[in-house]
Amino acid sequence: MSLIIPDEILKVSGLSEEQLWLEIVILLFQQDKISIGKASNLVGMNQLKFQKLLASRDICIHYDVKEFEEDIKHLRETGWL
């Protein structure tokens, strides 16, 4: 699915497309709609850099068993475990 955002929204917000995308992803993470791993992937940042960005905004990192299991699976798939 594609979402079309009017240029006027970008203009009045003062954000670039990339910045708006980052804000959307952060909002989805804050609302517990996506994991930190998925969020960092969507914005093209490694997870540590994304965590630092969240910390700079005083956004708590929620990390549950499901996310831990996803991280273990990812580490196994990439040969880290």
PDB file of N, CA and C in Angstrom:
ATOM      1  N   MET A   1       0.837  -1.171   0.000  1.00  0.00           N
ATOM      2  CA  MET A   1       0.000   0.000   0.000  1.00  0.00           C
ATOM      3  C   MET A   1       0.885   1.238   0.000  1.00  0.00           C
ATOM      4  N   SER A   2       0.511   2.183  -0.753  1.00  0.00           N
ATOM      5  CA  SER A   2       1.212   3.459  -0.776  1.00  0.00           C
ATOM      6  C   SER A   2       0.317   4.518  -0.166  1.00  0.00           C
ATOM      7  N   LEU A   3       0.950   5.463   0.487  1.00  0.00           N
ATOM      8  CA  LEU A   3       0.226   6.560   1.102  1.00  0.00           C
ATOM      9  C   LEU A   3       0.711   7.858   0.474  1.00  0.00           C
ATOM     10  N   ILE A   4      -0.207   8.645   0.001  1.00  0.00           N
ATOM     11  CA  ILE A   4       0.147   9.922  -0.601  1.00  0.00           C
ATOM     12  C   ILE A   4      -0.102  11.015   0.432  1.00  0.00           C
ATOM     13  N   ILE A   5       0.968  11.737   0.739  1.00  0.00           N
ATOM     14  CA  ILE A   5       0.875  12.845   1.682  1.00  0.00           C
ATOM     15  C   ILE A   5       1.022  14.128   0.876  1.00  0.00           C
ATOM     16  N   PRO A   6       0.050  15.007   0.993  1.00  0.00           N
ATOM     17  CA  PRO A   6       0.115  16.250   0.215  1.00  0.00           C
ATOM     18  C   PRO A   6       1.379  17.052   0.529  1.00  0.00           C
ATOM     19  N   ASP A   7       1.913  17.681  -0.504  1.00  0.00           N
ATOM     20  CA  ASP A   7       3.097  18.522  -0.334  1.00  0.00           C
ATOM     21  C   ASP A   7       2.866  19.608   0.711  1.00  0.00           C
ATOM     22  N   GLU A   8       1.634  20.057   0.832  1.00  0.00           N
ATOM     23  CA  GLU A   8       1.322  21.117   1.794  1.00  0.00           C
ATOM     24  C   GLU A   8       1.658  20.686   3.225  1.00  0.00           C
ATOM     25  N   ILE A   9       1.453  19.411   3.537  1.00  0.00           N
ATOM     26  CA  ILE A   9       1.783  18.927   4.884  1.00  0.00           C
ATOM     27  C   ILE A   9       3.286  19.034   5.125  1.00  0.00           C
ATOM     28  N   LEU A  10       4.070  18.636   4.136  1.00  0.00           N
ATOM     29  CA  LEU A  10       5.521  18.770   4.273  1.00  0.00           C
ATOM     30  C   LEU A  10       5.904  20.244   4.411  1.00  0.00           C
ATOM     31  N   LYS A  11       5.280  21.074   3.615  1.00  0.00           N
ATOM     32  CA  LYS A  11       5.612  22.496   3.623  1.00  0.00           C
ATOM     33  C   LYS A  11       5.307  23.124   4.975  1.00  0.00           C
ATOM     34  N   VAL A  12       4.122  22.902   5.506  1.00  0.00           N
ATOM     35  CA  VAL A  12       3.755  23.543   6.773  1.00  0.00           C
ATOM     36  C   VAL A  12       4.487  22.924   7.962  1.00  0.00           C
ATOM     37  N   SER A  13       4.864  21.656   7.838  1.00  0.00           N
ATOM     38  CA  SER A  13       5.582  21.014   8.942  1.00  0.00           C
ATOM     39  C   SER A  13       7.053  21.408   8.965  1.00  0.00           C
ATOM     40  N   GLY A  14       7.562  21.799   7.808  1.00  0.00           N
ATOM     41  CA  GLY A  14       8.981  22.124   7.721  1.00  0.00           C
ATOM     42  C   GLY A  14       9.870  20.893   7.692  1.00  0.00           C
ATOM     43  N   LEU A  15       9.263  19.740   7.477  1.00  0.00           N
ATOM     44  CA  LEU A  15      10.008  18.481   7.453  1.00  0.00           C
ATOM     45  C   LEU A  15      10.264  18.025   6.024  1.00  0.00           C
ATOM     46  N   SER A  16      11.359  17.307   5.846  1.00  0.00           N
ATOM     47  CA  SER A  16      11.601  16.657   4.563  1.00  0.00           C
ATOM     48  C   SER A  16      10.808  15.342   4.560  1.00  0.00           C
ATOM     49  N   GLU A  17      10.756  14.688   3.425  1.00  0.00           N
ATOM     50  CA  GLU A  17      10.073  13.394   3.346  1.00  0.00           C
ATOM     51  C   GLU A  17      10.698  12.396   4.314  1.00  0.00           C
ATOM     52  N   GLU A  18      12.034  12.384   4.377  1.00  0.00           N
ATOM     53  CA  GLU A  18      12.741  11.454   5.255  1.00  0.00           C
ATOM     54  C   GLU A  18      12.444  11.745   6.722  1.00  0.00           C
ATOM     55  N   GLN A  19      12.404  13.027   7.075  1.00  0.00           N
ATOM     56  CA  GLN A  19      12.113  13.394   8.458  1.00  0.00           C
ATOM     57  C   GLN A  19      10.689  13.013   8.843  1.00  0.00           C
ATOM     58  N   LEU A  20       9.749  13.219   7.927  1.00  0.00           N
ATOM     59  CA  LEU A  20       8.361  12.854   8.200  1.00  0.00           C
ATOM     60  C   LEU A  20       8.248  11.342   8.371  1.00  0.00           C
ATOM     61  N   TRP A  21       8.928  10.591   7.524  1.00  0.00           N
ATOM     62  CA  TRP A  21       8.915   9.139   7.631  1.00  0.00           C
ATOM     63  C   TRP A  21       9.469   8.712   8.999  1.00  0.00           C
ATOM     64  N   LEU A  22      10.560   9.347   9.430  1.00  0.00           N
ATOM     65  CA  LEU A  22      11.139   9.049  10.738  1.00  0.00           C
ATOM     66  C   LEU A  22      10.129   9.317  11.845  1.00  0.00           C
ATOM     67  N   GLU A  23       9.433  10.435  11.770  1.00  0.00           N
ATOM     68  CA  GLU A  23       8.442  10.776  12.793  1.00  0.00           C
ATOM     69  C   GLU A  23       7.303   9.753  12.824  1.00  0.00           C
ATOM     70  N   ILE A  24       6.879   9.298  11.670  1.00  0.00           N
ATOM     71  CA  ILE A  24       5.815   8.286  11.600  1.00  0.00           C
ATOM     72  C   ILE A  24       6.281   6.984  12.238  1.00  0.00           C
ATOM     73  N   VAL A  25       7.481   6.566  11.898  1.00  0.00           N
ATOM     74  CA  VAL A  25       8.010   5.310  12.444  1.00  0.00           C
ATOM     75  C   VAL A  25       8.180   5.415  13.959  1.00  0.00           C
ATOM     76  N   ILE A  26       8.690   6.539  14.438  1.00  0.00           N
ATOM     77  CA  ILE A  26       8.839   6.721  15.887  1.00  0.00           C
ATOM     78  C   ILE A  26       7.482   6.661  16.574  1.00  0.00           C
ATOM     79  N   LEU A  27       6.484   7.292  15.989  1.00  0.00           N
ATOM     80  CA  LEU A  27       5.137   7.258  16.556  1.00  0.00           C
ATOM     81  C   LEU A  27       4.598   5.826  16.621  1.00  0.00           C
ATOM     82  N   LEU A  28       4.800   5.066  15.547  1.00  0.00           N
ATOM     83  CA  LEU A  28       4.351   3.671  15.548  1.00  0.00           C
ATOM     84  C   LEU A  28       5.073   2.861  16.624  1.00  0.00           C
ATOM     85  N   PHE A  29       6.362   3.125  16.806  1.00  0.00           N
ATOM     86  CA  PHE A  29       7.105   2.439  17.862  1.00  0.00           C
ATOM     87  C   PHE A  29       6.564   2.835  19.238  1.00  0.00           C
ATOM     88  N   GLN A  30       6.354   4.118  19.459  1.00  0.00           N
ATOM     89  CA  GLN A  30       5.847   4.589  20.746  1.00  0.00           C
ATOM     90  C   GLN A  30       4.496   3.968  21.083  1.00  0.00           C
ATOM     91  N   GLN A  31       3.685   3.763  20.063  1.00  0.00           N
ATOM     92  CA  GLN A  31       2.358   3.186  20.273  1.00  0.00           C
ATOM     93  C   GLN A  31       2.390   1.660  20.318  1.00  0.00           C
ATOM     94  N   ASP A  32       3.607   1.103  20.317  1.00  0.00           N
ATOM     95  CA  ASP A  32       3.815  -0.345  20.396  1.00  0.00           C
ATOM     96  C   ASP A  32       3.192  -1.091  19.214  1.00  0.00           C
ATOM     97  N   LYS A  33       3.175  -0.430  18.054  1.00  0.00           N
ATOM     98  CA  LYS A  33       2.655  -1.046  16.833  1.00  0.00           C
ATOM     99  C   LYS A  33       3.742  -1.806  16.085  1.00  0.00           C
ATOM    100  N   ILE A  34       5.001  -1.399  16.264  1.00  0.00           N
ATOM    101  CA  ILE A  34       6.133  -2.080  15.634  1.00  0.00           C
ATOM    102  C   ILE A  34       7.262  -2.207  16.658  1.00  0.00           C
ATOM    103  N   SER A  35       8.097  -3.196  16.452  1.00  0.00           N
ATOM    104  CA  SER A  35       9.222  -3.428  17.358  1.00  0.00           C
ATOM    105  C   SER A  35      10.349  -2.440  17.072  1.00  0.00           C
ATOM    106  N   ILE A  36      11.281  -2.365  18.000  1.00  0.00           N
ATOM    107  CA  ILE A  36      12.422  -1.478  17.806  1.00  0.00           C
ATOM    108  C   ILE A  36      13.274  -1.943  16.629  1.00  0.00           C
ATOM    109  N   GLY A  37      13.382  -3.261  16.453  1.00  0.00           N
ATOM    110  CA  GLY A  37      14.137  -3.789  15.318  1.00  0.00           C
ATOM    111  C   GLY A  37      13.505  -3.412  13.993  1.00  0.00           C
ATOM    112  N   LYS A  38      12.195  -3.551  13.913  1.00  0.00           N
ATOM    113  CA  LYS A  38      11.473  -3.197  12.687  1.00  0.00           C
ATOM    114  C   LYS A  38      11.565  -1.691  12.449  1.00  0.00           C
ATOM    115  N   ALA A  39      11.406  -0.905  13.498  1.00  0.00           N
ATOM    116  CA  ALA A  39      11.468   0.550  13.359  1.00  0.00           C
ATOM    117  C   ALA A  39      12.834   0.992  12.851  1.00  0.00           C
ATOM    118  N   SER A  40      13.881   0.471  13.453  1.00  0.00           N
ATOM    119  CA  SER A  40      15.221   0.877  13.023  1.00  0.00           C
ATOM    120  C   SER A  40      15.476   0.461  11.577  1.00  0.00           C
ATOM    121  N   ASN A  41      14.950  -0.704  11.203  1.00  0.00           N
ATOM    122  CA  ASN A  41      15.096  -1.172   9.831  1.00  0.00           C
ATOM    123  C   ASN A  41      14.353  -0.268   8.853  1.00  0.00           C
ATOM    124  N   LEU A  42      13.153   0.136   9.213  1.00  0.00           N
ATOM    125  CA  LEU A  42      12.337   0.976   8.331  1.00  0.00           C
ATOM    126  C   LEU A  42      12.973   2.337   8.054  1.00  0.00           C
ATOM    127  N   VAL A  43      13.724   2.858   9.032  1.00  0.00           N
ATOM    128  CA  VAL A  43      14.355   4.170   8.829  1.00  0.00           C
ATOM    129  C   VAL A  43      15.806   4.051   8.384  1.00  0.00           C
ATOM    130  N   GLY A  44      16.265   2.808   8.183  1.00  0.00           N
ATOM    131  CA  GLY A  44      17.615   2.593   7.673  1.00  0.00           C
ATOM    132  C   GLY A  44      18.724   2.904   8.659  1.00  0.00           C
ATOM    133  N   MET A  45      18.447   2.686   9.943  1.00  0.00           N
ATOM    134  CA  MET A  45      19.456   2.905  10.986  1.00  0.00           C
ATOM    135  C   MET A  45      19.756   1.581  11.657  1.00  0.00           C
ATOM    136  N   ASN A  46      20.986   1.441  12.162  1.00  0.00           N
ATOM    137  CA  ASN A  46      21.214   0.265  12.984  1.00  0.00           C
ATOM    138  C   ASN A  46      20.473   0.490  14.302  1.00  0.00           C
ATOM    139  N   GLN A  47      20.218  -0.583  14.999  1.00  0.00           N
ATOM    140  CA  GLN A  47      19.360  -0.515  16.176  1.00  0.00           C
ATOM    141  C   GLN A  47      19.953   0.366  17.277  1.00  0.00           C
ATOM    142  N   LEU A  48      21.262   0.323  17.456  1.00  0.00           N
ATOM    143  CA  LEU A  48      21.893   1.139  18.491  1.00  0.00           C
ATOM    144  C   LEU A  48      21.713   2.629  18.203  1.00  0.00           C
ATOM    145  N   LYS A  49      21.894   3.025  16.958  1.00  0.00           N
ATOM    146  CA  LYS A  49      21.715   4.426  16.581  1.00  0.00           C
ATOM    147  C   LYS A  49      20.260   4.854  16.796  1.00  0.00           C
ATOM    148  N   PHE A  50      19.325   3.976  16.459  1.00  0.00           N
ATOM    149  CA  PHE A  50      17.913   4.287  16.658  1.00  0.00           C
ATOM    150  C   PHE A  50      17.606   4.425  18.146  1.00  0.00           C
ATOM    151  N   GLN A  51      18.177   3.546  18.965  1.00  0.00           N
ATOM    152  CA  GLN A  51      17.975   3.635  20.412  1.00  0.00           C
ATOM    153  C   GLN A  51      18.517   4.954  20.955  1.00  0.00           C
ATOM    154  N   LYS A  52      19.656   5.391  20.453  1.00  0.00           N
ATOM    155  CA  LYS A  52      20.223   6.669  20.891  1.00  0.00           C
ATOM    156  C   LYS A  52      19.310   7.825  20.489  1.00  0.00           C
ATOM    157  N   LEU A  53      18.724   7.738  19.293  1.00  0.00           N
ATOM    158  CA  LEU A  53      17.783   8.758  18.855  1.00  0.00           C
ATOM    159  C   LEU A  53      16.578   8.810  19.794  1.00  0.00           C
ATOM    160  N   LEU A  54      16.043   7.641  20.139  1.00  0.00           N
ATOM    161  CA  LEU A  54      14.907   7.592  21.064  1.00  0.00           C
ATOM    162  C   LEU A  54      15.293   8.177  22.417  1.00  0.00           C
ATOM    163  N   ALA A  55      16.464   7.813  22.903  1.00  0.00           N
ATOM    164  CA  ALA A  55      16.924   8.323  24.200  1.00  0.00           C
ATOM    165  C   ALA A  55      17.057   9.842  24.174  1.00  0.00           C
ATOM    166  N   SER A  56      17.527  10.389  23.055  1.00  0.00           N
ATOM    167  CA  SER A  56      17.679  11.846  22.953  1.00  0.00           C
ATOM    168  C   SER A  56      16.333  12.557  23.013  1.00  0.00           C
ATOM    169  N   ARG A  57      15.268  11.814  22.741  1.00  0.00           N
ATOM    170  CA  ARG A  57      13.909  12.373  22.785  1.00  0.00           C
ATOM    171  C   ARG A  57      13.163  11.935  24.048  1.00  0.00           C
ATOM    172  N   ASP A  58      13.892  11.306  24.967  1.00  0.00           N
ATOM    173  CA  ASP A  58      13.298  10.789  26.217  1.00  0.00           C
ATOM    174  C   ASP A  58      12.158   9.812  25.953  1.00  0.00           C
ATOM    175  N   ILE A  59      12.327   8.988  24.928  1.00  0.00           N
ATOM    176  CA  ILE A  59      11.337   7.959  24.603  1.00  0.00           C
ATOM    177  C   ILE A  59      11.839   6.641  25.175  1.00  0.00           C
ATOM    178  N   CYS A  60      11.021   6.030  26.017  1.00  0.00           N
ATOM    179  CA  CYS A  60      11.393   4.759  26.645  1.00  0.00           C
ATOM    180  C   CYS A  60      11.387   3.642  25.614  1.00  0.00           C
ATOM    181  N   ILE A  61      12.319   2.748  25.799  1.00  0.00           N
ATOM    182  CA  ILE A  61      12.407   1.584  24.932  1.00  0.00           C
ATOM    183  C   ILE A  61      11.680   0.439  25.615  1.00  0.00           C
ATOM    184  N   HIS A  62      10.621  -0.037  24.998  1.00  0.00           N
ATOM    185  CA  HIS A  62       9.916  -1.190  25.533  1.00  0.00           C
ATOM    186  C   HIS A  62      10.461  -2.428  24.824  1.00  0.00           C
ATOM    187  N   TYR A  63      10.781  -3.402  25.613  1.00  0.00           N
ATOM    188  CA  TYR A  63      11.422  -4.605  25.082  1.00  0.00           C
ATOM    189  C   TYR A  63      10.832  -5.783  25.823  1.00  0.00           C
ATOM    190  N   ASP A  64      10.083  -6.603  25.116  1.00  0.00           N
ATOM    191  CA  ASP A  64       9.422  -7.726  25.776  1.00  0.00           C
ATOM    192  C   ASP A  64       9.988  -9.056  25.282  1.00  0.00           C
ATOM    193  N   VAL A  65       9.411 -10.126  25.766  1.00  0.00           N
ATOM    194  CA  VAL A  65       9.882 -11.468  25.422  1.00  0.00           C
ATOM    195  C   VAL A  65       9.778 -11.717  23.922  1.00  0.00           C
ATOM    196  N   LYS A  66       8.689 -11.282  23.312  1.00  0.00           N
ATOM    197  CA  LYS A  66       8.506 -11.476  21.867  1.00  0.00           C
ATOM    198  C   LYS A  66       9.641 -10.804  21.093  1.00  0.00           C
ATOM    199  N   GLU A  67       9.984  -9.582  21.468  1.00  0.00           N
ATOM    200  CA  GLU A  67      11.064  -8.878  20.775  1.00  0.00           C
ATOM    201  C   GLU A  67      12.406  -9.557  21.031  1.00  0.00           C
ATOM    202  N   PHE A  68      12.604 -10.042  22.251  1.00  0.00           N
ATOM    203  CA  PHE A  68      13.827 -10.778  22.559  1.00  0.00           C
ATOM    204  C   PHE A  68      13.941 -12.012  21.666  1.00  0.00           C
ATOM    205  N   GLU A  69      12.849 -12.748  21.523  1.00  0.00           N
ATOM    206  CA  GLU A  69      12.842 -13.935  20.668  1.00  0.00           C
ATOM    207  C   GLU A  69      13.109 -13.568  19.212  1.00  0.00           C
ATOM    208  N   GLU A  70      12.545 -12.441  18.741  1.00  0.00           N
ATOM    209  CA  GLU A  70      12.808 -11.973  17.376  1.00  0.00           C
ATOM    210  C   GLU A  70      14.287 -11.650  17.194  1.00  0.00           C
ATOM    211  N   ASP A  71      14.876 -11.020  18.206  1.00  0.00           N
ATOM    212  CA  ASP A  71      16.295 -10.674  18.133  1.00  0.00           C
ATOM    213  C   ASP A  71      17.167 -11.930  18.092  1.00  0.00           C
ATOM    214  N   ILE A  72      16.837 -12.921  18.921  1.00  0.00           N
ATOM    215  CA  ILE A  72      17.586 -14.181  18.916  1.00  0.00           C
ATOM    216  C   ILE A  72      17.478 -14.853  17.551  1.00  0.00           C
ATOM    217  N   LYS A  73      16.273 -14.881  16.989  1.00  0.00           N
ATOM    218  CA  LYS A  73      16.061 -15.474  15.671  1.00  0.00           C
ATOM    219  C   LYS A  73      16.911 -14.747  14.622  1.00  0.00           C
ATOM    220  N   HIS A  74      16.887 -13.415  14.661  1.00  0.00           N
ATOM    221  CA  HIS A  74      17.663 -12.621  13.705  1.00  0.00           C
ATOM    222  C   HIS A  74      19.165 -12.900  13.865  1.00  0.00           C
ATOM    223  N   LEU A  75      19.632 -12.968  15.104  1.00  0.00           N
ATOM    224  CA  LEU A  75      21.049 -13.254  15.350  1.00  0.00           C
ATOM    225  C   LEU A  75      21.441 -14.627  14.812  1.00  0.00           C
ATOM    226  N   ARG A  76      20.575 -15.604  14.969  1.00  0.00           N
ATOM    227  CA  ARG A  76      20.847 -16.951  14.439  1.00  0.00           C
ATOM    228  C   ARG A  76      20.880 -16.932  12.916  1.00  0.00           C
ATOM    229  N   GLU A  77      19.921 -16.232  12.312  1.00  0.00           N
ATOM    230  CA  GLU A  77      19.829 -16.177  10.855  1.00  0.00           C
ATOM    231  C   GLU A  77      21.033 -15.480  10.228  1.00  0.00           C
ATOM    232  N   THR A  78      21.610 -14.536  10.956  1.00  0.00           N
ATOM    233  CA  THR A  78      22.742 -13.789  10.425  1.00  0.00           C
ATOM    234  C   THR A  78      24.091 -14.359  10.881  1.00  0.00           C
ATOM    235  N   GLY A  79      24.028 -15.478  11.617  1.00  0.00           N
ATOM    236  CA  GLY A  79      25.271 -16.156  12.004  1.00  0.00           C
ATOM    237  C   GLY A  79      25.956 -15.617  13.236  1.00  0.00           C
ATOM    238  N   TRP A  80      25.298 -14.749  13.976  1.00  0.00           N
ATOM    239  CA  TRP A  80      25.899 -14.224  15.216  1.00  0.00           C
ATOM    240  C   TRP A  80      25.785 -15.204  16.375  1.00  0.00           C
ATOM    241  N   LEU A  81      24.869 -16.148  16.292  1.00  0.00           N
ATOM    242  CA  LEU A  81      24.712 -17.184  17.343  1.00  0.00           C
ATOM    243  C   LEU A  81      24.851 -18.545  16.727  1.00  0.00           C
TER     244      LEU A  81
END
